[in-house]
């Protein structure tokens, strides 16, 4: 029995010894596995961190790429604007040089134009003479005034010129005192543009017209009495526009 009872103990001791030996052999492997696992975890953590960094860099790259593309488009637009502005500056510079030349030419041109208007009034029929001469005198005072710019002087002369041009397009009537057979008579004057200038006394007993060839008023026969009366009524808007038979002089060339 003693022999038999020692056998399990020997077996247990043997097993325990074997277990200890096995444990001593496997532990380094377990330690290596644990270290590898820790290393793999650290590597995975590092990979995850690098992946996050890479994603951040990629996103930043995309953002910067978009910004660069936007800047390229913006720079292209700016270049176009700069080129246009440079071209505009060249045009302005050219215009300023031309304006300086024109500015030097304006005063003599203005005076020639005003002299032509004065000559035209002198050779024209004598209607509204006081008003027309006053307008010319006003324009002349403007161009002779050193404080008035050449452009303003030209504007005044052109305004006078335009008024003179309008006289040739309108029907007009007014009262005036003229000399008839050596006597001053108050008459109604009818002006048809620059085609005819006729008068008629208030009692319609006298009818006449201006003769530019002799620079005088001449009497007209009775056939012009009714047309003149009709023309005066049309000018006063008392009758509708109609054909008028009035004396018209042949045009003459003026040098």
Protein backbone atom coordinates (compact mmCIF):
# COMPACT_ATOMS: atom_id res chain seq x y z
CA UNK A 1 0.00 0.00 0.00
CA UNK A 2 2.82 2.33 0.77
CA UNK A 3 4.31 1.57 -2.61
CA UNK A 4 0.99 2.14 -4.32
CA UNK A 5 0.29 5.41 -2.47
CA UNK A 6 3.57 6.92 -3.52
CA UNK A 7 2.85 6.35 -7.21
CA UNK A 8 0.20 9.09 -7.58
CA UNK A 9 2.41 11.43 -5.76
CA UNK A 10 5.23 10.67 -8.11
CA UNK A 11 2.85 11.13 -11.02
CA UNK A 12 1.62 14.44 -9.69
CA UNK A 13 5.13 15.61 -9.06
CA UNK A 14 6.12 14.51 -12.50
CA UNK A 15 3.16 16.33 -14.05
CA UNK A 16 3.82 19.43 -12.02
CA UNK A 17 7.41 19.33 -13.07
CA UNK A 18 6.43 18.89 -16.68
CA UNK A 19 3.95 21.76 -16.38
CA UNK A 20 6.56 24.01 -14.93
CA UNK A 21 8.99 23.07 -17.63
CA UNK A 22 6.32 23.70 -20.30
CA UNK A 23 5.34 26.97 -18.67
CA UNK A 24 8.93 28.10 -18.71
CA UNK A 25 9.16 27.23 -22.37
CA UNK A 26 5.85 28.84 -23.47
CA UNK A 27 6.15 32.02 -21.46
CA UNK A 28 8.78 33.58 -23.74
CA UNK A 29 6.52 32.81 -26.67
CA UNK A 30 3.60 34.46 -24.90
CA UNK A 31 5.76 37.43 -24.07
CA UNK A 32 6.88 37.70 -27.67
CA UNK A 33 3.25 37.43 -28.81
CA UNK A 34 2.18 40.10 -26.38
CA UNK A 35 5.01 42.38 -27.47
CA UNK A 36 4.09 41.75 -31.12
CA UNK A 37 0.48 42.56 -30.37
CA UNK A 38 1.50 45.74 -28.62
CA UNK A 39 3.77 46.56 -31.55
CA UNK A 40 0.97 45.86 -34.00
CA UNK A 41 -1.37 48.07 -31.98
CA UNK A 42 1.21 50.82 -31.92
CA UNK A 43 1.77 50.38 -35.66
CA UNK A 44 -1.96 50.45 -36.29
CA UNK A 45 -2.28 53.55 -34.15
CA UNK A 46 0.59 55.12 -36.10
CA UNK A 47 -1.02 54.04 -39.40
CA UNK A 48 -4.36 55.48 -38.30
CA UNK A 49 -2.63 58.70 -37.32
CA UNK A 50 -0.76 58.81 -40.62
CA UNK A 51 -4.03 58.12 -42.47
CA UNK A 52 -5.66 61.02 -40.66
CA UNK A 53 -2.68 63.21 -41.45
CA UNK A 54 -2.80 62.08 -45.08
CA UNK A 55 -6.53 62.85 -45.32
CA UNK A 56 -5.92 66.26 -43.77
CA UNK A 57 -3.07 66.92 -46.23
CA UNK A 58 -5.24 65.75 -49.16
CA UNK A 59 -8.10 68.00 -48.07
CA UNK A 60 -5.73 70.91 -47.63
CA UNK A 61 -4.25 70.17 -51.06
CA UNK A 62 -7.71 70.16 -52.63
CA UNK A 63 -8.57 73.42 -50.89
CA UNK A 64 -5.31 75.04 -51.95
CA UNK A 65 -5.77 73.71 -55.50
CA UNK A 66 -9.19 75.32 -55.66
CA UNK A 67 -7.78 78.56 -54.31
CA UNK A 68 -4.96 78.46 -56.86
CA UNK A 69 -7.45 77.83 -59.68
CA UNK A 70 -9.58 80.69 -58.43
CA UNK A 71 -6.52 82.92 -58.31
CA UNK A 72 -5.63 81.91 -61.86
CA UNK A 73 -9.10 82.91 -63.08
CA UNK A 74 -8.94 86.12 -61.04
CA UNK A 75 -5.47 86.95 -62.38
CA UNK A 76 -6.65 86.32 -65.94
CA UNK A 77 -9.56 88.70 -65.40
CA UNK A 78 -7.25 91.26 -63.84
CA UNK A 79 -4.87 91.00 -66.79
CA UNK A 80 -7.75 91.60 -69.19
CA UNK A 81 -8.92 94.60 -67.17
CA UNK A 82 -5.40 95.98 -66.99
CA UNK A 83 -4.99 95.58 -70.76
CA UNK A 84 -8.31 97.34 -71.35
CA UNK A 85 -7.39 100.11 -68.92
CA UNK A 86 -4.03 100.56 -70.62
CA UNK A 87 -5.77 100.74 -73.99
CA UNK A 88 -8.27 103.23 -72.53
CA UNK A 89 -5.42 105.33 -71.13
CA UNK A 90 -3.84 105.43 -74.58
CA UNK A 91 -7.17 106.54 -76.08
CA UNK A 92 -7.55 109.22 -73.40
CA UNK A 93 -4.02 110.42 -74.00
CA UNK A 94 -4.69 110.59 -77.73
CA UNK A 95 -8.00 112.37 -77.13
CA UNK A 96 -6.33 114.88 -74.82
CA UNK A 97 -3.71 115.67 -77.43
CA UNK A 98 -6.41 116.08 -80.07
CA UNK A 99 -8.44 118.20 -77.63
CA UNK A 100 -5.47 120.48 -77.11
CA UNK A 101 -5.19 120.94 -80.87
CA UNK A 102 -8.93 121.54 -81.15
CA UNK A 103 -8.86 123.95 -78.22
CA UNK A 104 -6.34 126.08 -80.08
CA UNK A 105 -8.54 126.00 -83.16
CA UNK A 106 -11.81 126.82 -81.39
CA UNK A 107 -11.32 130.61 -80.92
CA UNK A 108 -10.51 131.41 -84.57
CA UNK A 109 -13.28 129.11 -85.77
CA UNK A 110 -15.74 130.76 -83.37
CA UNK A 111 -14.86 134.22 -84.63
CA UNK A 112 -15.17 133.15 -88.27
CA UNK A 113 -18.56 131.62 -87.56
CA UNK A 114 -19.81 134.76 -85.78
CA UNK A 115 -18.51 136.96 -88.60
CA UNK A 116 -20.45 134.80 -91.04
CA UNK A 117 -23.62 135.21 -88.99
CA UNK A 118 -23.16 138.99 -88.91
CA UNK A 119 -22.68 139.05 -92.67
CA UNK A 120 -25.76 136.88 -93.14
CA UNK A 121 -27.89 139.26 -91.08
CA UNK A 122 -26.53 142.21 -93.02
CA UNK A 123 -27.51 140.62 -96.35
CA UNK A 124 -30.75 139.09 -95.11
CA UNK A 125 -34.25 140.54 -95.02
CA UNK A 126 -34.62 143.10 -92.22
CA UNK A 127 -36.83 141.17 -89.80
CA UNK A 128 -36.32 141.30 -86.01
CA UNK A 129 -33.12 143.25 -86.61
CA UNK A 130 -32.77 144.63 -83.09
CA UNK A 131 -33.23 141.20 -81.51
CA UNK A 132 -30.81 139.49 -83.90
CA UNK A 133 -28.10 142.13 -83.55
CA UNK A 134 -28.43 142.03 -79.78
CA UNK A 135 -27.92 138.26 -79.84
CA UNK A 136 -24.80 138.67 -81.98
CA UNK A 137 -23.45 141.35 -79.64
CA UNK A 138 -24.00 139.06 -76.64
CA UNK A 139 -22.08 136.22 -78.33
CA UNK A 140 -19.28 138.58 -79.31
CA UNK A 141 -18.97 139.83 -75.73
CA UNK A 142 -18.71 136.21 -74.57
CA UNK A 143 -15.82 135.32 -76.88
CA UNK A 144 -14.03 138.58 -76.05
CA UNK A 145 -14.33 137.97 -72.31
CA UNK A 146 -11.11 136.35 -70.99
CA UNK A 147 -12.99 134.72 -68.12
CA UNK A 148 -15.26 132.82 -70.52
CA UNK A 149 -13.86 129.51 -71.76
CA UNK A 150 -13.48 128.93 -75.51
CA UNK A 151 -16.06 126.14 -75.28
CA UNK A 152 -18.62 128.46 -73.69
CA UNK A 153 -17.94 131.15 -76.29
CA UNK A 154 -18.47 128.60 -79.05
CA UNK A 155 -21.70 127.47 -77.42
CA UNK A 156 -23.02 131.04 -77.43
CA UNK A 157 -22.16 131.47 -81.11
CA UNK A 158 -23.70 128.12 -82.04
CA UNK A 159 -26.87 129.06 -80.19
CA UNK A 160 -27.02 132.27 -82.26
CA UNK A 161 -26.40 130.24 -85.40
CA UNK A 162 -29.21 127.79 -84.54
CA UNK A 163 -31.68 130.63 -83.96
CA UNK A 164 -30.78 132.08 -87.36
CA UNK A 165 -31.30 128.66 -88.93
CA UNK A 166 -34.74 128.36 -87.34
CA UNK A 167 -35.85 131.63 -88.95
CA UNK A 168 -35.76 129.88 -92.32
CA UNK A 169 -38.23 127.20 -91.23
CA UNK A 170 -41.03 129.18 -89.60
CA UNK A 171 -43.96 131.42 -90.40
CA UNK A 172 -43.95 134.58 -88.34
CA UNK A 173 -45.82 137.85 -87.95
CA UNK A 174 -45.14 140.94 -85.86
CA UNK A 175 -45.90 144.65 -85.72
CA UNK A 176 -43.28 147.12 -86.96
CA UNK A 177 -42.92 150.73 -87.99
CA UNK A 178 -41.50 151.18 -91.48
CA UNK A 179 -41.06 154.01 -93.91
CA UNK A 180 -43.64 154.07 -96.74
CA UNK A 181 -43.41 156.87 -99.30
CA UNK A 182 -41.39 158.99 -96.90
CA UNK A 183 -43.72 158.45 -93.92
CA UNK A 184 -43.40 156.19 -90.87
CA UNK A 185 -46.31 153.75 -90.80
CA UNK A 186 -47.19 151.06 -88.32
CA UNK A 187 -47.88 147.81 -90.17
CA UNK A 188 -48.33 144.09 -89.66
CA UNK A 189 -45.35 142.19 -91.08
CA UNK A 190 -45.62 138.63 -92.37
CA UNK A 191 -42.45 136.59 -92.72
CA UNK A 192 -42.47 133.28 -94.56
CA UNK A 193 -39.14 131.77 -93.66
CA UNK A 194 -36.58 133.61 -95.77
CA UNK A 195 -38.72 133.39 -98.87
CA UNK A 196 -40.94 136.42 -98.43
CA UNK A 197 -41.28 139.43 -96.16
CA UNK A 198 -44.49 141.39 -96.73
CA UNK A 199 -46.44 144.04 -94.82
CA UNK A 200 -50.00 145.22 -94.62
CA UNK A 201 -51.43 148.27 -92.91
CA UNK A 202 -54.05 147.85 -90.22
CA UNK A 203 -56.81 149.05 -92.56
CA UNK A 204 -55.46 146.75 -95.31
CA UNK A 205 -55.21 149.68 -97.68
CA UNK A 206 -51.47 149.23 -98.12
CA UNK A 207 -49.67 146.01 -98.96
CA UNK A 208 -46.02 145.75 -99.84
CA UNK A 209 -42.89 143.56 -99.68
CA UNK A 210 -39.18 143.89 -99.02
CA UNK A 211 -37.02 143.98 -102.14
CA UNK A 212 -33.48 142.78 -101.34
CA UNK A 213 -32.20 143.98 -104.69
CA UNK A 214 -32.77 147.61 -103.79
CA UNK A 215 -32.95 147.21 -100.00
CA UNK A 216 -36.33 148.89 -99.80
CA UNK A 217 -39.98 148.24 -99.15
CA UNK A 218 -41.99 148.28 -102.35
CA UNK A 219 -45.73 148.50 -102.79
CA UNK A 220 -47.63 145.50 -104.14
CA UNK A 221 -50.75 145.57 -106.25
CA UNK A 222 -54.15 144.68 -104.87
CA UNK A 223 -53.81 141.03 -105.99
CA UNK A 224 -51.59 140.39 -102.95
CA UNK A 225 -53.98 141.95 -100.43
CA UNK A 226 -56.01 138.84 -99.70
CA UNK A 227 -53.07 136.39 -99.68
CA UNK A 228 -51.24 138.68 -97.26
CA UNK A 229 -54.29 138.94 -95.02
CA UNK A 230 -54.67 135.15 -95.17
CA UNK A 231 -51.01 134.64 -94.31
CA UNK A 232 -51.30 136.94 -91.29
CA UNK A 233 -54.32 134.97 -90.08
CA UNK A 234 -52.42 131.69 -90.50
CA UNK A 235 -49.43 133.11 -88.58
CA UNK A 236 -51.81 134.18 -85.80
CA UNK A 237 -53.32 130.67 -85.81
CA UNK A 238 -56.69 132.11 -86.83
CA UNK A 239 -56.80 130.05 -90.03
CA UNK A 240 -55.57 126.68 -91.18
CA UNK A 241 -52.35 126.33 -93.15
CA UNK A 242 -52.93 126.81 -96.85
CA UNK A 243 -51.16 127.79 -100.07
CA UNK A 244 -50.21 131.47 -100.33
CA UNK A 245 -49.42 133.48 -103.43
CA UNK A 246 -46.70 135.88 -102.34
CA UNK A 247 -43.83 137.60 -104.15
CA UNK A 248 -40.63 135.57 -103.88
CA UNK A 249 -37.32 136.84 -105.11
CA UNK A 250 -34.87 134.68 -107.00
CA UNK A 251 -32.03 133.41 -104.80
CA UNK A 252 -28.63 134.94 -105.27
CA UNK A 253 -25.19 133.53 -104.63
CA UNK A 254 -23.30 135.41 -101.95
CA UNK A 255 -19.50 135.38 -101.86
